[in-house]
């Protein structure tokens, strides 16, 4: 069975089952997989943190963030 076939089969599952598959795979990954940041990513995070610390009012609340996402998705 190819990776493409596995993905196709998983995609045919209901969303709740797909999430269970994702969680099962995630739980089996080594703890340090995919957590390394590039120098550019770290620099961007550092820049944003300095910007936030200088003016915390620029940050969104969780509710405001979720509302923006909802609107962007057209829901």
Protein backbone atom coordinates (compact mmCIF):
# COMPACT_ATOMS: atom_id res chain seq x y z
CA UNK A 1 0.00 0.00 0.00
CA UNK A 2 1.38 3.41 -0.96
CA UNK A 3 1.39 6.51 1.20
CA UNK A 4 -1.01 8.10 -1.27
CA UNK A 5 -3.46 5.21 -0.80
CA UNK A 6 -3.21 5.42 2.99
CA UNK A 7 -3.95 9.15 2.84
CA UNK A 8 -6.87 8.53 0.48
CA UNK A 9 -8.29 5.87 2.82
CA UNK A 10 -7.90 8.09 5.88
CA UNK A 11 -9.51 11.00 4.02
CA UNK A 12 -12.59 8.85 3.46
CA UNK A 13 -13.11 8.51 7.21
CA UNK A 14 -15.41 10.83 9.16
CA UNK A 15 -13.57 13.88 10.56
CA UNK A 16 -13.67 12.56 14.13
CA UNK A 17 -11.94 9.35 13.02
CA UNK A 18 -9.39 11.33 11.01
CA UNK A 19 -8.55 13.28 14.17
CA UNK A 20 -8.07 10.02 16.05
CA UNK A 21 -5.60 8.86 13.38
CA UNK A 22 -3.72 12.16 13.58
CA UNK A 23 -3.57 11.94 17.37
CA UNK A 24 -2.35 8.34 17.27
CA UNK A 25 0.42 9.24 14.80
CA UNK A 26 1.37 12.37 16.77
CA UNK A 27 1.60 10.39 20.01
CA UNK A 28 4.03 7.95 18.39
CA UNK A 29 6.46 10.58 17.09
CA UNK A 30 9.67 11.28 19.00
CA UNK A 31 9.21 14.26 21.31
CA UNK A 32 11.71 16.46 19.46
CA UNK A 33 10.45 15.90 15.90
CA UNK A 34 9.58 19.09 14.04
CA UNK A 35 10.19 21.45 16.93
CA UNK A 36 13.40 23.06 15.72
CA UNK A 37 13.05 26.63 14.46
CA UNK A 38 15.11 28.09 11.66
CA UNK A 39 17.14 31.19 12.45
CA UNK A 40 14.65 33.25 10.46
CA UNK A 41 11.67 31.81 12.38
CA UNK A 42 13.37 32.50 15.73
CA UNK A 43 14.23 36.04 14.65
CA UNK A 44 10.60 36.66 13.65
CA UNK A 45 9.30 35.34 16.97
CA UNK A 46 11.80 37.50 18.83
CA UNK A 47 10.76 40.56 16.79
CA UNK A 48 7.09 39.94 17.52
CA UNK A 49 7.76 39.45 21.23
CA UNK A 50 9.65 42.77 21.44
CA UNK A 51 6.80 44.46 19.55
CA UNK A 52 4.22 42.98 21.94
CA UNK A 53 6.21 43.93 25.05
CA UNK A 54 6.50 47.52 23.78
CA UNK A 55 2.72 47.75 23.28
CA UNK A 56 0.61 44.82 24.58
CA UNK A 57 -2.55 46.49 23.23
CA UNK A 58 -1.50 45.33 19.74
CA UNK A 59 -2.27 41.72 20.68
CA UNK A 60 -5.66 40.11 20.08
CA UNK A 61 -7.63 38.35 22.76
CA UNK A 62 -8.35 34.70 22.06
CA UNK A 63 -11.98 35.56 21.34
CA UNK A 64 -11.00 38.30 18.87
CA UNK A 65 -8.55 35.94 17.18
CA UNK A 66 -11.18 33.22 16.83
CA UNK A 67 -13.68 35.74 15.45
CA UNK A 68 -11.20 36.84 12.78
CA UNK A 69 -10.63 33.23 11.80
CA UNK A 70 -14.39 32.58 11.69
CA UNK A 71 -14.91 35.60 9.42
CA UNK A 72 -11.98 34.65 7.19
CA UNK A 73 -13.50 31.20 6.72
CA UNK A 74 -16.85 32.75 5.81
CA UNK A 75 -18.78 31.23 8.67
